[in-house]
Each structure stands twice: as structure tokens, then as C-alpha cells.
C-alpha atoms as a PDB file:
ATOM      1  CA  UNK A   1      -1.145  15.952  17.050  1.00  0.00           C
ATOM      2  CA  UNK A   2       0.042  18.855  14.665  1.00  0.00           C
ATOM      3  CA  UNK A   3       3.401  17.107  14.698  1.00  0.00           C
ATOM      4  CA  UNK A   4       1.811  13.715  13.901  1.00  0.00           C
ATOM      5  CA  UNK A   5       0.115  15.347  10.847  1.00  0.00           C
ATOM      6  CA  UNK A   6       3.284  16.873   9.634  1.00  0.00           C
ATOM      7  CA  UNK A   7       5.188  13.598   9.909  1.00  0.00           C
ATOM      8  CA  UNK A   8       2.293  11.700   8.302  1.00  0.00           C
ATOM      9  CA  UNK A   9       2.210  14.194   5.408  1.00  0.00           C
ATOM     10  CA  UNK A  10       6.037  13.767   5.053  1.00  0.00           C
ATOM     11  CA  UNK A  11       5.844   9.960   5.144  1.00  0.00           C
ATOM     12  CA  UNK A  12       3.033   9.602   2.792  1.00  0.00           C
ATOM     13  CA  UNK A  13       4.460  12.467   0.685  1.00  0.00           C
ATOM     14  CA  UNK A  14       7.747  10.485   0.263  1.00  0.00           C
ATOM     15  CA  UNK A  15       5.526   7.259  -0.914  1.00  0.00           C
ATOM     16  CA  UNK A  16       3.785   9.645  -3.289  1.00  0.00           C
ATOM     17  CA  UNK A  17       7.261  10.939  -4.621  1.00  0.00           C
ATOM     18  CA  UNK A  18       8.417   7.451  -5.099  1.00  0.00           C
ATOM     19  CA  UNK A  19       5.244   6.707  -7.254  1.00  0.00           C
ATOM     20  CA  UNK A  20       5.878   9.793  -9.293  1.00  0.00           C
ATOM     21  CA  UNK A  21       9.617   8.812  -9.779  1.00  0.00           C
ATOM     22  CA  UNK A  22       8.554   5.400 -10.826  1.00  0.00           C
ATOM     23  CA  UNK A  23       5.847   6.812 -13.334  1.00  0.00           C
ATOM     24  CA  UNK A  24       8.821   8.872 -14.737  1.00  0.00           C
ATOM     25  CA  UNK A  25      10.047   5.561 -16.231  1.00  0.00           C
ATOM     26  CA  UNK A  26       7.692   6.237 -19.073  1.00  0.00           C
ATOM     27  CA  UNK A  27       9.998   8.940 -20.463  1.00  0.00           C
ATOM     28  CA  UNK A  28      12.680   6.431 -20.764  1.00  0.00           C
ATOM     29  CA  UNK A  29      11.091   3.300 -21.872  1.00  0.00           C
ATOM     30  CA  UNK A  30       9.542   3.112 -25.477  1.00  0.00           C
ATOM     31  CA  UNK A  31       7.958  -0.348 -24.572  1.00  0.00           C
ATOM     32  CA  UNK A  32       5.996  -1.856 -21.885  1.00  0.00           C
ATOM     33  CA  UNK A  33       7.786  -3.378 -18.858  1.00  0.00           C
ATOM     34  CA  UNK A  34       8.846  -7.061 -19.596  1.00  0.00           C
ATOM     35  CA  UNK A  35       6.434  -9.646 -17.991  1.00  0.00           C
ATOM     36  CA  UNK A  36       9.137 -11.124 -15.996  1.00  0.00           C
ATOM     37  CA  UNK A  37      10.248  -7.819 -14.661  1.00  0.00           C
ATOM     38  CA  UNK A  38       6.581  -7.096 -13.945  1.00  0.00           C
ATOM     39  CA  UNK A  39       6.030 -10.330 -12.126  1.00  0.00           C
ATOM     40  CA  UNK A  40       9.267  -9.731  -9.837  1.00  0.00           C
ATOM     41  CA  UNK A  41       8.016  -6.298  -9.009  1.00  0.00           C
ATOM     42  CA  UNK A  42       4.536  -7.329  -8.083  1.00  0.00           C
ATOM     43  CA  UNK A  43       5.936 -10.031  -5.971  1.00  0.00           C
ATOM     44  CA  UNK A  44       8.228  -7.367  -4.230  1.00  0.00           C
ATOM     45  CA  UNK A  45       5.393  -5.192  -3.575  1.00  0.00           C
ATOM     46  CA  UNK A  46       3.456  -8.147  -2.123  1.00  0.00           C
ATOM     47  CA  UNK A  47       6.379  -9.194   0.116  1.00  0.00           C
ATOM     48  CA  UNK A  48       6.642  -5.557   1.607  1.00  0.00           C
ATOM     49  CA  UNK A  49       3.041  -5.480   2.109  1.00  0.00           C
ATOM     50  CA  UNK A  50       2.869  -8.900   3.986  1.00  0.00           C
ATOM     51  CA  UNK A  51       5.849  -7.895   6.130  1.00  0.00           C
ATOM     52  CA  UNK A  52       4.510  -4.445   6.996  1.00  0.00           C
ATOM     53  CA  UNK A  53       1.174  -5.959   8.048  1.00  0.00           C
ATOM     54  CA  UNK A  54       2.839  -8.361  10.568  1.00  0.00           C
ATOM     55  CA  UNK A  55       5.604  -6.243  11.868  1.00  0.00           C
ATOM     56  CA  UNK A  56       4.218  -2.431  11.548  1.00  0.00           C
ATOM     57  CA  UNK A  57       0.747  -3.143  12.017  1.00  0.00           C
ATOM     58  CA  UNK A  58      -0.652  -6.335  13.665  1.00  0.00           C
ATOM     59  CA  UNK A  59       2.156  -6.899  16.427  1.00  0.00           C
ATOM     60  CA  UNK A  60       1.781  -3.177  17.443  1.00  0.00           C
ATOM     61  CA  UNK A  61      -1.886  -3.739  17.598  1.00  0.00           C
ATOM     62  CA  UNK A  62      -1.539  -6.709  19.966  1.00  0.00           C
ATOM     63  CA  UNK A  63       1.127  -5.146  22.001  1.00  0.00           C
ATOM     64  CA  UNK A  64      -0.840  -1.875  22.491  1.00  0.00           C
ATOM     65  CA  UNK A  65      -3.945  -3.748  23.555  1.00  0.00           C
ATOM     66  CA  UNK A  66      -1.916  -5.951  26.041  1.00  0.00           C
ATOM     67  CA  UNK A  67      -0.514  -2.728  27.495  1.00  0.00           C
ATOM     68  CA  UNK A  68      -4.046  -1.278  27.921  1.00  0.00           C
ATOM     69  CA  UNK A  69      -5.030  -4.508  29.946  1.00  0.00           C
ATOM     70  CA  UNK A  70      -7.125  -6.146  27.033  1.00  0.00           C
ATOM     71  CA  UNK A  71      -6.945  -9.477  25.185  1.00  0.00           C
ATOM     72  CA  UNK A  72      -4.458  -8.869  22.274  1.00  0.00           C
ATOM     73  CA  UNK A  73      -5.846 -11.160  19.827  1.00  0.00           C
ATOM     74  CA  UNK A  74      -9.433  -9.722  19.706  1.00  0.00           C
ATOM     75  CA  UNK A  75      -8.761  -6.220  18.123  1.00  0.00           C
ATOM     76  CA  UNK A  76      -6.189  -7.615  15.951  1.00  0.00           C
ATOM     77  CA  UNK A  77      -8.643 -10.362  14.707  1.00  0.00           C
ATOM     78  CA  UNK A  78     -11.682  -8.262  14.413  1.00  0.00           C
ATOM     79  CA  UNK A  79      -9.706  -5.264  12.772  1.00  0.00           C
ATOM     80  CA  UNK A  80      -8.068  -7.597  10.397  1.00  0.00           C
ATOM     81  CA  UNK A  81     -11.398  -9.093   9.232  1.00  0.00           C
ATOM     82  CA  UNK A  82     -12.866  -5.850   9.031  1.00  0.00           C
ATOM     83  CA  UNK A  83     -10.190  -4.427   6.911  1.00  0.00           C
ATOM     84  CA  UNK A  84     -10.325  -7.339   4.525  1.00  0.00           C
ATOM     85  CA  UNK A  85     -14.265  -6.873   4.241  1.00  0.00           C
ATOM     86  CA  UNK A  86     -13.755  -3.229   3.424  1.00  0.00           C
ATOM     87  CA  UNK A  87     -11.540  -3.933   0.630  1.00  0.00           C
ATOM     88  CA  UNK A  88     -13.699  -6.812  -0.705  1.00  0.00           C
ATOM     89  CA  UNK A  89     -16.594  -4.359  -0.709  1.00  0.00           C
ATOM     90  CA  UNK A  90     -14.495  -1.737  -2.738  1.00  0.00           C
ATOM     91  CA  UNK A  91     -13.362  -4.558  -5.002  1.00  0.00           C
ATOM     92  CA  UNK A  92     -17.040  -5.553  -5.698  1.00  0.00           C
ATOM     93  CA  UNK A  93     -18.490  -1.944  -6.178  1.00  0.00           C
ATOM     94  CA  UNK A  94     -15.565   0.215  -7.628  1.00  0.00           C
ATOM     95  CA  UNK A  95     -15.033  -0.347 -11.373  1.00  0.00           C
ATOM     96  CA  UNK A  96     -11.515  -1.244 -11.995  1.00  0.00           C
ATOM     97  CA  UNK A  97      -9.119  -3.138 -14.372  1.00  0.00           C
ATOM     98  CA  UNK A  98      -6.126  -5.139 -13.311  1.00  0.00           C
ATOM     99  CA  UNK A  99      -2.989  -5.098 -15.469  1.00  0.00           C
ATOM    100  CA  UNK A 100      -3.020  -7.741 -18.097  1.00  0.00           C
ATOM    101  CA  UNK A 101      -6.780  -8.287 -17.906  1.00  0.00           C
ATOM    102  CA  UNK A 102      -9.419  -7.594 -20.610  1.00  0.00           C
ATOM    103  CA  UNK A 103     -12.467  -7.453 -18.595  1.00  0.00           C
ATOM    104  CA  UNK A 104     -13.210  -4.942 -15.840  1.00  0.00           C
ATOM    105  CA  UNK A 105     -14.322  -5.885 -12.339  1.00  0.00           C
ATOM    106  CA  UNK A 106     -16.823  -3.992 -10.108  1.00  0.00           C
ATOM    107  CA  UNK A 107     -20.022  -2.297 -10.845  1.00  0.00           C
ATOM    108  CA  UNK A 108     -20.714  -1.896 -14.712  1.00  0.00           C
ATOM    109  CA  UNK A 109     -19.588   1.527 -15.931  1.00  0.00           C
ATOM    110  CA  UNK A 110     -18.659   3.666 -19.081  1.00  0.00           C
ATOM    111  CA  UNK A 111     -15.295   4.535 -17.750  1.00  0.00           C
ATOM    112  CA  UNK A 112     -12.367   4.328 -20.250  1.00  0.00           C
ATOM    113  CA  UNK A 113      -9.722   1.592 -19.862  1.00  0.00           C
ATOM    114  CA  UNK A 114      -7.194   4.049 -18.669  1.00  0.00           C
ATOM    115  CA  UNK A 115      -9.480   5.292 -15.874  1.00  0.00           C
ATOM    116  CA  UNK A 116     -10.161   1.696 -14.854  1.00  0.00           C
ATOM    117  CA  UNK A 117      -6.513   0.853 -14.717  1.00  0.00           C
ATOM    118  CA  UNK A 118      -5.795   3.866 -12.289  1.00  0.00           C
ATOM    119  CA  UNK A 119      -8.745   2.962 -10.095  1.00  0.00           C
ATOM    120  CA  UNK A 120      -7.350  -0.650  -9.718  1.00  0.00           C
ATOM    121  CA  UNK A 121      -4.058   1.063  -8.260  1.00  0.00           C
ATOM    122  CA  UNK A 122      -6.192   3.366  -6.133  1.00  0.00           C
ATOM    123  CA  UNK A 123      -7.773   0.022  -4.414  1.00  0.00           C
ATOM    124  CA  UNK A 124      -4.560  -0.877  -2.717  1.00  0.00           C
ATOM    125  CA  UNK A 125      -3.241   2.645  -2.240  1.00  0.00           C
ATOM    126  CA  UNK A 126      -5.753   3.186   0.379  1.00  0.00           C
ATOM    127  CA  UNK A 127      -4.740   0.858   3.124  1.00  0.00           C
ATOM    128  CA  UNK A 128      -1.012   1.786   2.338  1.00  0.00           C
ATOM    129  CA  UNK A 129      -1.736   5.444   3.130  1.00  0.00           C
ATOM    130  CA  UNK A 130      -3.745   4.542   6.135  1.00  0.00           C
ATOM    131  CA  UNK A 131      -0.822   2.407   7.383  1.00  0.00           C
ATOM    132  CA  UNK A 132       1.616   4.880   7.212  1.00  0.00           C
ATOM    133  CA  UNK A 133      -0.703   7.630   8.726  1.00  0.00           C
ATOM    134  CA  UNK A 134      -1.648   5.259  11.564  1.00  0.00           C
ATOM    135  CA  UNK A 135       2.125   4.605  12.447  1.00  0.00           C
ATOM    136  CA  UNK A 136       2.852   8.230  12.680  1.00  0.00           C
ATOM    137  CA  UNK A 137      -0.281   8.867  14.756  1.00  0.00           C
ATOM    138  CA  UNK A 138       0.461   5.976  17.265  1.00  0.00           C
ATOM    139  CA  UNK A 139       4.049   7.386  17.510  1.00  0.00           C
ATOM    140  CA  UNK A 140       2.735  10.763  18.467  1.00  0.00           C
ATOM    141  CA  UNK A 141       0.344   9.307  20.984  1.00  0.00           C
ATOM    142  CA  UNK A 142       3.411   7.653  22.815  1.00  0.00           C
ATOM    143  CA  UNK A 143       6.013  10.241  22.744  1.00  0.00           C
ATOM    144  CA  UNK A 144       7.922   8.376  25.350  1.00  0.00           C
ATOM    145  CA  UNK A 145       8.787   5.593  22.966  1.00  0.00           C
ATOM    146  CA  UNK A 146      11.002   7.083  20.167  1.00  0.00           C
ATOM    147  CA  UNK A 147      11.169   3.389  18.676  1.00  0.00           C
ATOM    148  CA  UNK A 148       7.672   4.152  17.332  1.00  0.00           C
ATOM    149  CA  UNK A 149       8.768   7.135  15.145  1.00  0.00           C
ATOM    150  CA  UNK A 150      11.680   4.853  13.863  1.00  0.00           C
ATOM    151  CA  UNK A 151       9.052   2.161  13.036  1.00  0.00           C
ATOM    152  CA  UNK A 152       6.817   4.500  11.283  1.00  0.00           C
ATOM    153  CA  UNK A 153       9.784   5.714   9.241  1.00  0.00           C
ATOM    154  CA  UNK A 154      10.655   2.079   8.185  1.00  0.00           C
ATOM    155  CA  UNK A 155       7.172   1.666   7.182  1.00  0.00           C
ATOM    156  CA  UNK A 156       7.077   4.771   5.029  1.00  0.00           C
ATOM    157  CA  UNK A 157      10.569   3.628   3.541  1.00  0.00           C
ATOM    158  CA  UNK A 158       9.099   0.192   2.737  1.00  0.00           C
ATOM    159  CA  UNK A 159       5.882   1.363   1.117  1.00  0.00           C
ATOM    160  CA  UNK A 160       7.902   3.875  -0.717  1.00  0.00           C
ATOM    161  CA  UNK A 161      10.333   1.609  -2.169  1.00  0.00           C
ATOM    162  CA  UNK A 162       7.697  -0.651  -3.557  1.00  0.00           C
ATOM    163  CA  UNK A 163       5.756   2.260  -5.019  1.00  0.00           C
ATOM    164  CA  UNK A 164       8.619   2.887  -7.454  1.00  0.00           C
ATOM    165  CA  UNK A 165       7.717  -0.175  -9.716  1.00  0.00           C
ATOM    166  CA  UNK A 166       4.264   0.596  -9.078  1.00  0.00           C
ATOM    167  CA  UNK A 167       4.398   3.911 -10.481  1.00  0.00           C
ATOM    168  CA  UNK A 168       5.978   2.425 -13.499  1.00  0.00           C
ATOM    169  CA  UNK A 169       3.482  -0.412 -13.759  1.00  0.00           C
ATOM    170  CA  UNK A 170       0.760   2.120 -14.199  1.00  0.00           C
ATOM    171  CA  UNK A 171       2.270   4.716 -16.482  1.00  0.00           C
ATOM    172  CA  UNK A 172       3.777   2.275 -18.992  1.00  0.00           C
ATOM    173  CA  UNK A 173       0.436   0.489 -19.526  1.00  0.00           C
ATOM    174  CA  UNK A 174      -1.355   3.848 -19.926  1.00  0.00           C
ATOM    175  CA  UNK A 175       1.196   4.736 -22.494  1.00  0.00           C
ATOM    176  CA  UNK A 176       0.373   1.543 -24.375  1.00  0.00           C
ATOM    177  CA  UNK A 177      -3.121   2.466 -24.250  1.00  0.00           C
ATOM    178  CA  UNK A 178      -2.245   5.615 -26.401  1.00  0.00           C
ATOM    179  CA  UNK A 179      -1.656   8.412 -23.821  1.00  0.00           C
ATOM    180  CA  UNK A 180       1.112  10.837 -24.330  1.00  0.00           C
ATOM    181  CA  UNK A 181       4.139  10.275 -22.258  1.00  0.00           C
ATOM    182  CA  UNK A 182       3.387  13.301 -20.084  1.00  0.00           C
ATOM    183  CA  UNK A 183      -0.154  12.450 -19.669  1.00  0.00           C
ATOM    184  CA  UNK A 184       0.808   8.841 -18.667  1.00  0.00           C
ATOM    185  CA  UNK A 185       3.342  10.282 -16.128  1.00  0.00           C
ATOM    186  CA  UNK A 186       0.677  12.702 -14.770  1.00  0.00           C
ATOM    187  CA  UNK A 187      -1.937   9.950 -14.225  1.00  0.00           C
ATOM    188  CA  UNK A 188       0.567   7.513 -12.907  1.00  0.00           C
ATOM    189  CA  UNK A 189       1.892   9.977 -10.335  1.00  0.00           C
ATOM    190  CA  UNK A 190      -1.720  10.884  -9.332  1.00  0.00           C
ATOM    191  CA  UNK A 191      -2.540   7.286  -8.743  1.00  0.00           C
ATOM    192  CA  UNK A 192      -0.319   7.544  -5.517  1.00  0.00           C
ATOM    193  CA  UNK A 193      -1.783  10.777  -4.227  1.00  0.00           C
ATOM    194  CA  UNK A 194      -4.667   8.673  -2.634  1.00  0.00           C
ATOM    195  CA  UNK A 195      -1.853   7.507  -0.022  1.00  0.00           C
ATOM    196  CA  UNK A 196      -1.124  11.020   1.043  1.00  0.00           C
ATOM    197  CA  UNK A 197      -4.965  11.855   1.376  1.00  0.00           C
ATOM    198  CA  UNK A 198      -5.677   8.607   3.209  1.00  0.00           C
ATOM    199  CA  UNK A 199      -2.490   9.010   5.576  1.00  0.00           C
ATOM    200  CA  UNK A 200      -3.253  12.531   6.479  1.00  0.00           C
ATOM    201  CA  UNK A 201      -6.937  12.088   6.789  1.00  0.00           C
ATOM    202  CA  UNK A 202      -6.729   9.150   9.396  1.00  0.00           C
ATOM    203  CA  UNK A 203      -3.894  11.245  11.158  1.00  0.00           C
ATOM    204  CA  UNK A 204      -6.488  14.102  11.399  1.00  0.00           C
ATOM    205  CA  UNK A 205      -8.980  11.964  13.395  1.00  0.00           C
ATOM    206  CA  UNK A 206      -6.188  10.011  15.302  1.00  0.00           C
ATOM    207  CA  UNK A 207      -7.187  11.688  18.570  1.00  0.00           C
ATOM    208  CA  UNK A 208     -10.806  10.489  18.255  1.00  0.00           C
ATOM    209  CA  UNK A 209      -9.989   6.968  17.522  1.00  0.00           C
ATOM    210  CA  UNK A 210      -7.231   6.624  20.038  1.00  0.00           C
ATOM    211  CA  UNK A 211      -8.946   4.103  22.174  1.00  0.00           C
ATOM    212  CA  UNK A 212      -9.628   1.949  19.225  1.00  0.00           C
ATOM    213  CA  UNK A 213      -6.102   2.410  17.600  1.00  0.00           C
ATOM    214  CA  UNK A 214      -5.328  -1.321  17.610  1.00  0.00           C
ATOM    215  CA  UNK A 215      -8.579  -1.973  15.790  1.00  0.00           C
ATOM    216  CA  UNK A 216      -7.462   0.474  13.134  1.00  0.00           C
ATOM    217  CA  UNK A 217      -4.041  -0.877  12.780  1.00  0.00           C
ATOM    218  CA  UNK A 218      -5.366  -4.386  12.216  1.00  0.00           C
ATOM    219  CA  UNK A 219      -7.739  -2.921   9.924  1.00  0.00           C
ATOM    220  CA  UNK A 220      -5.044  -1.514   7.504  1.00  0.00           C
ATOM    221  CA  UNK A 221      -3.292  -4.838   7.977  1.00  0.00           C
ATOM    222  CA  UNK A 222      -6.351  -6.855   6.823  1.00  0.00           C
ATOM    223  CA  UNK A 223      -6.928  -4.347   3.825  1.00  0.00           C
ATOM    224  CA  UNK A 224      -3.328  -4.975   2.720  1.00  0.00           C
ATOM    225  CA  UNK A 225      -3.437  -8.704   2.942  1.00  0.00           C
ATOM    226  CA  UNK A 226      -6.668  -8.716   0.865  1.00  0.00           C
ATOM    227  CA  UNK A 227      -4.895  -6.843  -1.912  1.00  0.00           C
ATOM    228  CA  UNK A 228      -1.875  -9.066  -1.667  1.00  0.00           C
ATOM    229  CA  UNK A 229      -3.894 -12.258  -1.965  1.00  0.00           C
ATOM    230  CA  UNK A 230      -6.553 -10.959  -4.445  1.00  0.00           C
ATOM    231  CA  UNK A 231      -4.296  -9.000  -6.804  1.00  0.00           C
ATOM    232  CA  UNK A 232      -0.632  -8.984  -6.436  1.00  0.00           C
ATOM    233  CA  UNK A 233       0.349 -12.601  -5.847  1.00  0.00           C
ATOM    234  CA  UNK A 234      -1.974 -13.994  -8.642  1.00  0.00           C
ATOM    235  CA  UNK A 235      -0.616 -11.439 -11.004  1.00  0.00           C
ATOM    236  CA  UNK A 236       2.957 -12.087 -10.068  1.00  0.00           C
ATOM    237  CA  UNK A 237       2.442 -15.807 -10.624  1.00  0.00           C
ATOM    238  CA  UNK A 238       1.061 -15.754 -13.930  1.00  0.00           C
ATOM    239  CA  UNK A 239       2.943 -17.179 -16.836  1.00  0.00           C
ATOM    240  CA  UNK A 240       5.742 -19.830 -17.066  1.00  0.00           C
ATOM    241  CA  UNK A 241       8.391 -18.139 -14.907  1.00  0.00           C
ATOM    242  CA  UNK A 242       6.274 -17.713 -11.636  1.00  0.00           C
ATOM    243  CA  UNK A 243       9.323 -18.447  -9.696  1.00  0.00           C
ATOM    244  CA  UNK A 244      10.364 -14.659 -10.204  1.00  0.00           C
ATOM    245  CA  UNK A 245       7.232 -13.516  -8.466  1.00  0.00           C
ATOM    246  CA  UNK A 246       7.953 -15.929  -5.726  1.00  0.00           C
ATOM    247  CA  UNK A 247      11.391 -14.658  -5.249  1.00  0.00           C
ATOM    248  CA  UNK A 248      10.146 -11.008  -5.481  1.00  0.00           C
ATOM    249  CA  UNK A 249       7.761 -11.823  -2.652  1.00  0.00           C
ATOM    250  CA  UNK A 250      10.614 -13.297  -0.409  1.00  0.00           C
ATOM    251  CA  UNK A 251      13.025 -10.348  -1.334  1.00  0.00           C
ATOM    252  CA  UNK A 252      10.225  -7.653  -0.481  1.00  0.00           C
ATOM    253  CA  UNK A 253       9.445  -9.528   2.829  1.00  0.00           C
ATOM    254  CA  UNK A 254      13.096  -9.681   3.668  1.00  0.00           C
ATOM    255  CA  UNK A 255      13.517  -5.993   3.110  1.00  0.00           C
ATOM    256  CA  UNK A 256      10.528  -4.680   5.060  1.00  0.00           C
ATOM    257  CA  UNK A 257      11.322  -7.115   8.050  1.00  0.00           C
ATOM    258  CA  UNK A 258      14.966  -5.833   8.127  1.00  0.00           C
ATOM    259  CA  UNK A 259      13.885  -2.167   7.917  1.00  0.00           C
ATOM    260  CA  UNK A 260      11.125  -2.569  10.636  1.00  0.00           C
ATOM    261  CA  UNK A 261      13.509  -4.686  12.914  1.00  0.00           C
ATOM    262  CA  UNK A 262      16.544  -2.641  12.435  1.00  0.00           C
ATOM    263  CA  UNK A 263      14.989   0.885  12.679  1.00  0.00           C
ATOM    264  CA  UNK A 264      11.948  -0.015  14.994  1.00  0.00           C
END
């Protein structure tokens, strides 16, 4: 399991690095990201998360349950619903502010707009980190199947790719809120560290939850789909040129599907 922790740290460390690289865009852009570009990037992130939820999480959850002699759809459905409910609860309780919105969501708070923007990104970084950590934990639990490690690498690569524009999408608005470029970069980078913490954290307890691994895989899938439907797709569809967001979803889905099928 030490190897699983090491690989989970490496995988989520890569996704964190990609967030930081994206946040570094703030040093080169004087203005905020164009609305059309932002829609395309949000759609791309949504497509990656949808494909990852299906190929990297739900299908493995079903397959593993069947291998254990169970009914595949039960943990897949139950975990999926629990993951969605968990993110809905965080959405209701955690104060946060989505990009382009004026009014914060969640419990009333005295947090500054910049803090609320960072918390909004934190919401969907939690299931992403869990997903990568669970993928490497599952691979470590089945060393006889090297394809599981390849699938975990594919998932980390897909999440990392979509984290690049995500890092820019948080650092640039922070700059617009009056932060210095350096502070905007630091906060934009740190918004992705929750993935590292969630990924390593879930791997640390993987041996305890091994009998329930299909439930946890489906849980991460449900949490990611909630984020996609609640946040990413609506934001990608705003304005007159919503087709850019739609194309982004399709392209992101395609990239993640190819990564998972080709490598996994």
C-alpha cells in the first residue's frame, strides 16, 4: 500500500502542478480570459469529468462487484447517489461564489469575494482528487492486473489536462478582484492542493475500505457528475455562443475516453 500512496501522491501531484501552470497564465495576461475561451474550457472540463466518471469509476465499480460475486449495479447506483448527495450538502453548506456571479451560495458568511471564488473551485477538486487516489489504490489492490495502473495514469492525465485552464480560470478573476499577480498565482495554485490531500487521504484508508471499493468509486463518480451538471455545463452554456461550450464538452469527453481506452 505504500506504493499506492506514492503513486497517488505522484498522480495528484501532477494534477496540482497542472493547476499551478494554469494559474501562471496570470503573469502573461493583462485582462481576464475571454468569455468564449472560458466557455470552451469549462465545457472541456465537464467532458473530461463525464468520461472519467463512466470509464474510470463506474465501469470499474461494476466490474469489481461482479468479480466479487455481487450485483454490479447496486454499489454503482448507491455510491453514485451518495456522491451526488455529498456534493449537494457541501454546495448548500459551504460559502462559495461561482465565476461570473454576483451573489454567493451556501451559508451566509463574511468571507471576501476572493475567498469565495477559491472555495467554489475547492468544491469540485475534492471528488477529482478522490477519483485519482481511488484509481491508484484499486490498482495496488490488484497487482496481477497492470492495466489498472495504466487506467489510473490515464485518469490522472485527463484530470491534469483539464486543471490547466481551471488554474487560469481562478487566478485571472482573482487578479481582476485587485490581487497582485503573485498573490493571484499563489491562491490559484493552492486551489488545486485539495486534490493532492483528497487523493493521498483516500489512499491511506484504502486497505480499510477495500470491501467497499466499488461504492467509493461510484461515490466519486456521483460527486463529479453533480459538479458537471450543477456548475460546469450551466456556466459553459451562458451567453450567445453556447455552442463553444458544447464543443468543449464533446472534445473533453473524447480526449478522456481515448486516454482511458488506449491506456487502460
